[in-house]
Amino acid sequence: MNQAIQFPDREQWDDQCQAICFPALVNGFQVMCGISGEIIASRFGGDNKESWLEHFRLNRWDLEEEAEVLIAVGEDDDQGWFWLS
């Protein structure tokens, strides 16, 4: 794991985005990452935000690795978010 990127355990469901949003600290600066409920459901199952959060937590290490790659290559959107797909 790249020590310059850290993921605090502060994921939360965002009703407006219909996604799990979670921060990453990159060299001390916070960036935001997200994965939609639809993507969580298609990859891991579940049919509501509580089950999607549980799937996120069970697969945290793999999802954080995916986010780390997106951050490393600068794959953010126009709002500066890194979205897993």
PDB file of N, CA and C in Angstrom:
ATOM      1  N   MET A   1       0.835  -1.191   0.000  1.00  0.00           N
ATOM      2  CA  MET A   1       0.000   0.000   0.000  1.00  0.00           C
ATOM      3  C   MET A   1       0.872   1.244   0.000  1.00  0.00           C
ATOM      4  N   ASN A   2       0.471   2.210  -0.759  1.00  0.00           N
ATOM      5  CA  ASN A   2       1.158   3.488  -0.830  1.00  0.00           C
ATOM      6  C   ASN A   2       0.876   4.253   0.469  1.00  0.00           C
ATOM      7  N   GLN A   3       1.892   4.510   1.248  1.00  0.00           N
ATOM      8  CA  GLN A   3       1.705   5.181   2.540  1.00  0.00           C
ATOM      9  C   GLN A   3       1.281   6.635   2.383  1.00  0.00           C
ATOM     10  N   ALA A   4       1.442   7.206   1.186  1.00  0.00           N
ATOM     11  CA  ALA A   4       1.027   8.582   0.966  1.00  0.00           C
ATOM     12  C   ALA A   4      -0.485   8.689   0.790  1.00  0.00           C
ATOM     13  N   ILE A   5      -1.176   7.548   0.604  1.00  0.00           N
ATOM     14  CA  ILE A   5      -2.630   7.529   0.469  1.00  0.00           C
ATOM     15  C   ILE A   5      -3.192   6.690   1.609  1.00  0.00           C
ATOM     16  N   GLN A   6      -4.050   7.308   2.401  1.00  0.00           N
ATOM     17  CA  GLN A   6      -4.668   6.610   3.527  1.00  0.00           C
ATOM     18  C   GLN A   6      -6.181   6.739   3.430  1.00  0.00           C
ATOM     19  N   PHE A   7      -6.868   5.715   3.915  1.00  0.00           N
ATOM     20  CA  PHE A   7      -8.325   5.683   3.873  1.00  0.00           C
ATOM     21  C   PHE A   7      -8.889   5.555   5.288  1.00  0.00           C
ATOM     22  N   PRO A   8      -9.347   6.659   5.871  1.00  0.00           N
ATOM     23  CA  PRO A   8      -9.992   6.561   7.187  1.00  0.00           C
ATOM     24  C   PRO A   8     -11.319   5.800   7.046  1.00  0.00           C
ATOM     25  N   ASP A   9     -11.738   5.135   8.093  1.00  0.00           N
ATOM     26  CA  ASP A   9     -12.995   4.379   8.082  1.00  0.00           C
ATOM     27  C   ASP A   9     -14.172   5.328   8.310  1.00  0.00           C
ATOM     28  N   ARG A  10     -14.467   6.136   7.290  1.00  0.00           N
ATOM     29  CA  ARG A  10     -15.542   7.129   7.421  1.00  0.00           C
ATOM     30  C   ARG A  10     -16.483   7.081   6.220  1.00  0.00           C
ATOM     31  N   GLU A  11     -16.765   5.883   5.751  1.00  0.00           N
ATOM     32  CA  GLU A  11     -17.677   5.766   4.621  1.00  0.00           C
ATOM     33  C   GLU A  11     -19.103   6.062   5.064  1.00  0.00           C
ATOM     34  N   GLN A  12     -19.894   6.579   4.141  1.00  0.00           N
ATOM     35  CA  GLN A  12     -21.300   6.860   4.435  1.00  0.00           C
ATOM     36  C   GLN A  12     -22.105   6.810   3.153  1.00  0.00           C
ATOM     37  N   TRP A  13     -23.372   6.538   3.313  1.00  0.00           N
ATOM     38  CA  TRP A  13     -24.285   6.537   2.184  1.00  0.00           C
ATOM     39  C   TRP A  13     -24.734   7.968   1.913  1.00  0.00           C
ATOM     40  N   ASP A  14     -24.731   8.365   0.639  1.00  0.00           N
ATOM     41  CA  ASP A  14     -25.194   9.693   0.237  1.00  0.00           C
ATOM     42  C   ASP A  14     -26.443   9.510  -0.621  1.00  0.00           C
ATOM     43  N   ASP A  15     -27.600   9.944  -0.090  1.00  0.00           N
ATOM     44  CA  ASP A  15     -28.862   9.781  -0.812  1.00  0.00           C
ATOM     45  C   ASP A  15     -28.884  10.546  -2.129  1.00  0.00           C
ATOM     46  N   GLN A  16     -28.276  11.718  -2.144  1.00  0.00           N
ATOM     47  CA  GLN A  16     -28.288  12.529  -3.362  1.00  0.00           C
ATOM     48  C   GLN A  16     -27.503  11.855  -4.483  1.00  0.00           C
ATOM     49  N   CYS A  17     -26.349  11.299  -4.163  1.00  0.00           N
ATOM     50  CA  CYS A  17     -25.505  10.628  -5.162  1.00  0.00           C
ATOM     51  C   CYS A  17     -25.913   9.174  -5.383  1.00  0.00           C
ATOM     52  N   GLN A  18     -26.714   8.637  -4.446  1.00  0.00           N
ATOM     53  CA  GLN A  18     -27.062   7.213  -4.471  1.00  0.00           C
ATOM     54  C   GLN A  18     -25.795   6.370  -4.507  1.00  0.00           C
ATOM     55  N   ALA A  19     -24.870   6.732  -3.601  1.00  0.00           N
ATOM     56  CA  ALA A  19     -23.552   6.104  -3.598  1.00  0.00           C
ATOM     57  C   ALA A  19     -22.967   6.086  -2.190  1.00  0.00           C
ATOM     58  N   ILE A  20     -22.023   5.189  -2.007  1.00  0.00           N
ATOM     59  CA  ILE A  20     -21.211   5.186  -0.803  1.00  0.00           C
ATOM     60  C   ILE A  20     -20.045   6.125  -1.071  1.00  0.00           C
ATOM     61  N   CYS A  21     -19.879   7.097  -0.213  1.00  0.00           N
ATOM     62  CA  CYS A  21     -18.814   8.079  -0.349  1.00  0.00           C
ATOM     63  C   CYS A  21     -17.813   7.853   0.776  1.00  0.00           C
ATOM     64  N   PHE A  22     -16.534   7.925   0.426  1.00  0.00           N
ATOM     65  CA  PHE A  22     -15.501   7.707   1.430  1.00  0.00           C
ATOM     66  C   PHE A  22     -14.281   8.568   1.115  1.00  0.00           C
ATOM     67  N   PRO A  23     -13.667   9.119   2.157  1.00  0.00           N
ATOM     68  CA  PRO A  23     -12.511  10.000   1.943  1.00  0.00           C
ATOM     69  C   PRO A  23     -11.214   9.216   1.801  1.00  0.00           C
ATOM     70  N   ALA A  24     -10.272   9.860   1.152  1.00  0.00           N
ATOM     71  CA  ALA A  24      -8.896   9.376   1.113  1.00  0.00           C
ATOM     72  C   ALA A  24      -8.011  10.571   1.441  1.00  0.00           C
ATOM     73  N   LEU A  25      -6.949  10.311   2.162  1.00  0.00           N
ATOM     74  CA  LEU A  25      -5.972  11.351   2.456  1.00  0.00           C
ATOM     75  C   LEU A  25      -4.760  11.112   1.572  1.00  0.00           C
ATOM     76  N   VAL A  26      -4.491  12.082   0.712  1.00  0.00           N
ATOM     77  CA  VAL A  26      -3.395  11.979  -0.238  1.00  0.00           C
ATOM     78  C   VAL A  26      -2.359  13.026   0.141  1.00  0.00           C
ATOM     79  N   ASN A  27      -1.238  12.565   0.674  1.00  0.00           N
ATOM     80  CA  ASN A  27      -0.192  13.476   1.146  1.00  0.00           C
ATOM     81  C   ASN A  27      -0.764  14.536   2.083  1.00  0.00           C
ATOM     82  N   GLY A  28      -1.709  14.123   2.923  1.00  0.00           N
ATOM     83  CA  GLY A  28      -2.295  15.020   3.908  1.00  0.00           C
ATOM     84  C   GLY A  28      -3.511  15.790   3.445  1.00  0.00           C
ATOM     85  N   PHE A  29      -3.837  15.726   2.155  1.00  0.00           N
ATOM     86  CA  PHE A  29      -5.000  16.428   1.621  1.00  0.00           C
ATOM     87  C   PHE A  29      -6.140  15.443   1.403  1.00  0.00           C
ATOM     88  N   GLN A  30      -7.362  15.860   1.748  1.00  0.00           N
ATOM     89  CA  GLN A  30      -8.504  14.972   1.587  1.00  0.00           C
ATOM     90  C   GLN A  30      -9.076  15.066   0.181  1.00  0.00           C
ATOM     91  N   VAL A  31      -9.329  13.897  -0.417  1.00  0.00           N
ATOM     92  CA  VAL A  31     -10.076  13.789  -1.664  1.00  0.00           C
ATOM     93  C   VAL A  31     -11.243  12.845  -1.382  1.00  0.00           C
ATOM     94  N   MET A  32     -12.242  12.895  -2.218  1.00  0.00           N
ATOM     95  CA  MET A  32     -13.409  12.041  -2.016  1.00  0.00           C
ATOM     96  C   MET A  32     -13.499  10.984  -3.101  1.00  0.00           C
ATOM     97  N   CYS A  33     -13.926   9.804  -2.663  1.00  0.00           N
ATOM     98  CA  CYS A  33     -14.112   8.668  -3.549  1.00  0.00           C
ATOM     99  C   CYS A  33     -15.548   8.187  -3.396  1.00  0.00           C
ATOM    100  N   GLY A  34     -16.031   7.489  -4.402  1.00  0.00           N
ATOM    101  CA  GLY A  34     -17.383   6.975  -4.313  1.00  0.00           C
ATOM    102  C   GLY A  34     -17.573   5.744  -5.168  1.00  0.00           C
ATOM    103  N   ILE A  35     -18.592   4.986  -4.798  1.00  0.00           N
ATOM    104  CA  ILE A  35     -19.041   3.845  -5.581  1.00  0.00           C
ATOM    105  C   ILE A  35     -20.558   3.800  -5.460  1.00  0.00           C
ATOM    106  N   SER A  36     -21.238   3.722  -6.580  1.00  0.00           N
ATOM    107  CA  SER A  36     -22.700   3.774  -6.559  1.00  0.00           C
ATOM    108  C   SER A  36     -23.288   2.496  -5.978  1.00  0.00           C
ATOM    109  N   GLY A  37     -24.490   2.625  -5.454  1.00  0.00           N
ATOM    110  CA  GLY A  37     -25.206   1.460  -4.970  1.00  0.00           C
ATOM    111  C   GLY A  37     -25.414   0.445  -6.076  1.00  0.00           C
ATOM    112  N   GLU A  38     -25.663   0.935  -7.272  1.00  0.00           N
ATOM    113  CA  GLU A  38     -25.862   0.053  -8.427  1.00  0.00           C
ATOM    114  C   GLU A  38     -24.612  -0.799  -8.693  1.00  0.00           C
ATOM    115  N   ILE A  39     -23.438  -0.184  -8.613  1.00  0.00           N
ATOM    116  CA  ILE A  39     -22.188  -0.925  -8.847  1.00  0.00           C
ATOM    117  C   ILE A  39     -21.951  -1.925  -7.718  1.00  0.00           C
ATOM    118  N   ILE A  40     -22.157  -1.499  -6.466  1.00  0.00           N
ATOM    119  CA  ILE A  40     -22.000  -2.429  -5.337  1.00  0.00           C
ATOM    120  C   ILE A  40     -22.931  -3.624  -5.525  1.00  0.00           C
ATOM    121  N   ALA A  41     -24.201  -3.357  -5.884  1.00  0.00           N
ATOM    122  CA  ALA A  41     -25.179  -4.431  -6.067  1.00  0.00           C
ATOM    123  C   ALA A  41     -24.756  -5.386  -7.173  1.00  0.00           C
ATOM    124  N   SER A  42     -24.257  -4.837  -8.283  1.00  0.00           N
ATOM    125  CA  SER A  42     -23.877  -5.709  -9.395  1.00  0.00           C
ATOM    126  C   SER A  42     -22.633  -6.527  -9.080  1.00  0.00           C
ATOM    127  N   ARG A  43     -21.745  -5.992  -8.260  1.00  0.00           N
ATOM    128  CA  ARG A  43     -20.504  -6.698  -7.940  1.00  0.00           C
ATOM    129  C   ARG A  43     -20.622  -7.634  -6.746  1.00  0.00           C
ATOM    130  N   PHE A  44     -21.402  -7.216  -5.727  1.00  0.00           N
ATOM    131  CA  PHE A  44     -21.419  -7.965  -4.470  1.00  0.00           C
ATOM    132  C   PHE A  44     -22.810  -8.399  -4.015  1.00  0.00           C
ATOM    133  N   GLY A  45     -23.847  -7.784  -4.568  1.00  0.00           N
ATOM    134  CA  GLY A  45     -25.206  -8.107  -4.144  1.00  0.00           C
ATOM    135  C   GLY A  45     -25.785  -7.019  -3.266  1.00  0.00           C
ATOM    136  N   GLY A  46     -26.944  -7.313  -2.715  1.00  0.00           N
ATOM    137  CA  GLY A  46     -27.632  -6.369  -1.853  1.00  0.00           C
ATOM    138  C   GLY A  46     -28.672  -5.577  -2.616  1.00  0.00           C
ATOM    139  N   ASP A  47     -29.649  -5.048  -1.865  1.00  0.00           N
ATOM    140  CA  ASP A  47     -30.715  -4.303  -2.517  1.00  0.00           C
ATOM    141  C   ASP A  47     -31.134  -3.046  -1.759  1.00  0.00           C
ATOM    142  N   ASN A  48     -30.296  -2.624  -0.803  1.00  0.00           N
ATOM    143  CA  ASN A  48     -30.584  -1.381  -0.088  1.00  0.00           C
ATOM    144  C   ASN A  48     -29.283  -0.824   0.471  1.00  0.00           C
ATOM    145  N   LYS A  49     -29.356   0.428   0.933  1.00  0.00           N
ATOM    146  CA  LYS A  49     -28.128   1.106   1.356  1.00  0.00           C
ATOM    147  C   LYS A  49     -27.433   0.414   2.517  1.00  0.00           C
ATOM    148  N   GLU A  50     -28.193  -0.185   3.428  1.00  0.00           N
ATOM    149  CA  GLU A  50     -27.556  -0.879   4.554  1.00  0.00           C
ATOM    150  C   GLU A  50     -26.747  -2.089   4.074  1.00  0.00           C
ATOM    151  N   SER A  51     -27.331  -2.858   3.153  1.00  0.00           N
ATOM    152  CA  SER A  51     -26.601  -4.032   2.648  1.00  0.00           C
ATOM    153  C   SER A  51     -25.408  -3.597   1.803  1.00  0.00           C
ATOM    154  N   TRP A  52     -25.543  -2.505   1.062  1.00  0.00           N
ATOM    155  CA  TRP A  52     -24.420  -2.035   0.251  1.00  0.00           C
ATOM    156  C   TRP A  52     -23.282  -1.539   1.132  1.00  0.00           C
ATOM    157  N   LEU A  53     -23.609  -0.862   2.213  1.00  0.00           N
ATOM    158  CA  LEU A  53     -22.564  -0.440   3.152  1.00  0.00           C
ATOM    159  C   LEU A  53     -21.864  -1.651   3.761  1.00  0.00           C
ATOM    160  N   GLU A  54     -22.630  -2.681   4.090  1.00  0.00           N
ATOM    161  CA  GLU A  54     -22.035  -3.900   4.637  1.00  0.00           C
ATOM    162  C   GLU A  54     -21.107  -4.562   3.614  1.00  0.00           C
ATOM    163  N   HIS A  55     -21.546  -4.629   2.358  1.00  0.00           N
ATOM    164  CA  HIS A  55     -20.686  -5.196   1.301  1.00  0.00           C
ATOM    165  C   HIS A  55     -19.429  -4.352   1.116  1.00  0.00           C
ATOM    166  N   PHE A  56     -19.584  -3.039   1.197  1.00  0.00           N
ATOM    167  CA  PHE A  56     -18.416  -2.169   1.101  1.00  0.00           C
ATOM    168  C   PHE A  56     -17.421  -2.510   2.205  1.00  0.00           C
ATOM    169  N   ARG A  57     -17.917  -2.610   3.424  1.00  0.00           N
ATOM    170  CA  ARG A  57     -17.032  -2.887   4.565  1.00  0.00           C
ATOM    171  C   ARG A  57     -16.368  -4.252   4.453  1.00  0.00           C
ATOM    172  N   LEU A  58     -17.099  -5.237   3.949  1.00  0.00           N
ATOM    173  CA  LEU A  58     -16.521  -6.577   3.783  1.00  0.00           C
ATOM    174  C   LEU A  58     -15.448  -6.617   2.696  1.00  0.00           C
ATOM    175  N   ASN A  59     -15.542  -5.700   1.737  1.00  0.00           N
ATOM    176  CA  ASN A  59     -14.613  -5.686   0.602  1.00  0.00           C
ATOM    177  C   ASN A  59     -13.750  -4.431   0.586  1.00  0.00           C
ATOM    178  N   ARG A  60     -13.643  -3.798   1.751  1.00  0.00           N
ATOM    179  CA  ARG A  60     -12.939  -2.523   1.881  1.00  0.00           C
ATOM    180  C   ARG A  60     -11.541  -2.546   1.255  1.00  0.00           C
ATOM    181  N   TRP A  61     -10.727  -3.553   1.577  1.00  0.00           N
ATOM    182  CA  TRP A  61      -9.333  -3.555   1.119  1.00  0.00           C
ATOM    183  C   TRP A  61      -9.249  -3.527  -0.400  1.00  0.00           C
ATOM    184  N   ASP A  62     -10.056  -4.354  -1.062  1.00  0.00           N
ATOM    185  CA  ASP A  62     -10.029  -4.394  -2.521  1.00  0.00           C
ATOM    186  C   ASP A  62     -10.530  -3.077  -3.118  1.00  0.00           C
ATOM    187  N   LEU A  63     -11.587  -2.521  -2.558  1.00  0.00           N
ATOM    188  CA  LEU A  63     -12.131  -1.268  -3.077  1.00  0.00           C
ATOM    189  C   LEU A  63     -11.164  -0.107  -2.855  1.00  0.00           C
ATOM    190  N   GLU A  64     -10.498  -0.097  -1.722  1.00  0.00           N
ATOM    191  CA  GLU A  64      -9.509   0.953  -1.468  1.00  0.00           C
ATOM    192  C   GLU A  64      -8.325   0.824  -2.426  1.00  0.00           C
ATOM    193  N   GLU A  65      -7.940  -0.391  -2.760  1.00  0.00           N
ATOM    194  CA  GLU A  65      -6.863  -0.579  -3.746  1.00  0.00           C
ATOM    195  C   GLU A  65      -7.275  -0.033  -5.101  1.00  0.00           C
ATOM    196  N   GLU A  66      -8.525  -0.274  -5.496  1.00  0.00           N
ATOM    197  CA  GLU A  66      -9.023   0.270  -6.763  1.00  0.00           C
ATOM    198  C   GLU A  66      -9.003   1.799  -6.733  1.00  0.00           C
ATOM    199  N   ALA A  67      -9.446   2.374  -5.628  1.00  0.00           N
ATOM    200  CA  ALA A  67      -9.444   3.835  -5.495  1.00  0.00           C
ATOM    201  C   ALA A  67      -8.022   4.377  -5.535  1.00  0.00           C
ATOM    202  N   GLU A  68      -7.110   3.651  -4.914  1.00  0.00           N
ATOM    203  CA  GLU A  68      -5.705   4.081  -4.896  1.00  0.00           C
ATOM    204  C   GLU A  68      -5.147   4.179  -6.315  1.00  0.00           C
ATOM    205  N   VAL A  69      -5.504   3.222  -7.172  1.00  0.00           N
ATOM    206  CA  VAL A  69      -5.052   3.254  -8.560  1.00  0.00           C
ATOM    207  C   VAL A  69      -5.634   4.466  -9.279  1.00  0.00           C
ATOM    208  N   LEU A  70      -6.932   4.717  -9.088  1.00  0.00           N
ATOM    209  CA  LEU A  70      -7.562   5.877  -9.724  1.00  0.00           C
ATOM    210  C   LEU A  70      -6.906   7.180  -9.279  1.00  0.00           C
ATOM    211  N   ILE A  71      -6.604   7.271  -7.998  1.00  0.00           N
ATOM    212  CA  ILE A  71      -5.949   8.469  -7.471  1.00  0.00           C
ATOM    213  C   ILE A  71      -4.553   8.617  -8.064  1.00  0.00           C
ATOM    214  N   ALA A  72      -3.813   7.525  -8.129  1.00  0.00           N
ATOM    215  CA  ALA A  72      -2.434   7.564  -8.627  1.00  0.00           C
ATOM    216  C   ALA A  72      -2.364   8.019 -10.077  1.00  0.00           C
ATOM    217  N   VAL A  73      -3.365   7.645 -10.888  1.00  0.00           N
ATOM    218  CA  VAL A  73      -3.336   8.032 -12.301  1.00  0.00           C
ATOM    219  C   VAL A  73      -4.164   9.283 -12.587  1.00  0.00           C
ATOM    220  N   GLY A  74      -4.769   9.868 -11.544  1.00  0.00           N
ATOM    221  CA  GLY A  74      -5.506  11.118 -11.703  1.00  0.00           C
ATOM    222  C   GLY A  74      -6.835  10.978 -12.417  1.00  0.00           C
ATOM    223  N   GLU A  75      -7.545   9.892 -12.180  1.00  0.00           N
ATOM    224  CA  GLU A  75      -8.831   9.630 -12.837  1.00  0.00           C
ATOM    225  C   GLU A  75     -10.007  10.238 -12.076  1.00  0.00           C
ATOM    226  N   ASP A  76      -9.917  11.521 -11.746  1.00  0.00           N
ATOM    227  CA  ASP A  76     -11.014  12.175 -11.042  1.00  0.00           C
ATOM    228  C   ASP A  76     -11.967  12.833 -12.035  1.00  0.00           C
ATOM    229  N   ASP A  77     -13.198  13.080 -11.573  1.00  0.00           N
ATOM    230  CA  ASP A  77     -14.185  13.734 -12.428  1.00  0.00           C
ATOM    231  C   ASP A  77     -14.043  15.253 -12.338  1.00  0.00           C
ATOM    232  N   ASP A  78     -14.959  15.964 -12.953  1.00  0.00           N
ATOM    233  CA  ASP A  78     -14.848  17.428 -12.971  1.00  0.00           C
ATOM    234  C   ASP A  78     -15.083  18.071 -11.605  1.00  0.00           C
ATOM    235  N   GLN A  79     -15.574  17.295 -10.635  1.00  0.00           N
ATOM    236  CA  GLN A  79     -15.733  17.777  -9.270  1.00  0.00           C
ATOM    237  C   GLN A  79     -14.578  17.343  -8.371  1.00  0.00           C
ATOM    238  N   GLY A  80     -13.612  16.619  -8.938  1.00  0.00           N
ATOM    239  CA  GLY A  80     -12.464  16.154  -8.172  1.00  0.00           C
ATOM    240  C   GLY A  80     -12.692  14.844  -7.431  1.00  0.00           C
ATOM    241  N   TRP A  81     -13.791  14.139  -7.746  1.00  0.00           N
ATOM    242  CA  TRP A  81     -14.113  12.863  -7.106  1.00  0.00           C
ATOM    243  C   TRP A  81     -13.527  11.710  -7.911  1.00  0.00           C
ATOM    244  N   PHE A  82     -13.213  10.637  -7.204  1.00  0.00           N
ATOM    245  CA  PHE A  82     -12.709   9.409  -7.812  1.00  0.00           C
ATOM    246  C   PHE A  82     -13.806   8.353  -7.677  1.00  0.00           C
ATOM    247  N   TRP A  83     -14.364   7.903  -8.804  1.00  0.00           N
ATOM    248  CA  TRP A  83     -15.510   6.984  -8.802  1.00  0.00           C
ATOM    249  C   TRP A  83     -15.089   5.595  -9.249  1.00  0.00           C
ATOM    250  N   LEU A  84     -15.366   4.614  -8.408  1.00  0.00           N
ATOM    251  CA  LEU A  84     -15.106   3.219  -8.755  1.00  0.00           C
ATOM    252  C   LEU A  84     -16.240   2.727  -9.654  1.00  0.00           C
ATOM    253  N   SER A  85     -15.863   1.882 -10.597  1.00  0.00           N
ATOM    254  CA  SER A  85     -16.889   1.342 -11.508  1.00  0.00           C
ATOM    255  C   SER A  85     -16.785  -0.163 -11.599  1.00  0.00           C
TER     256      SER A  85
END
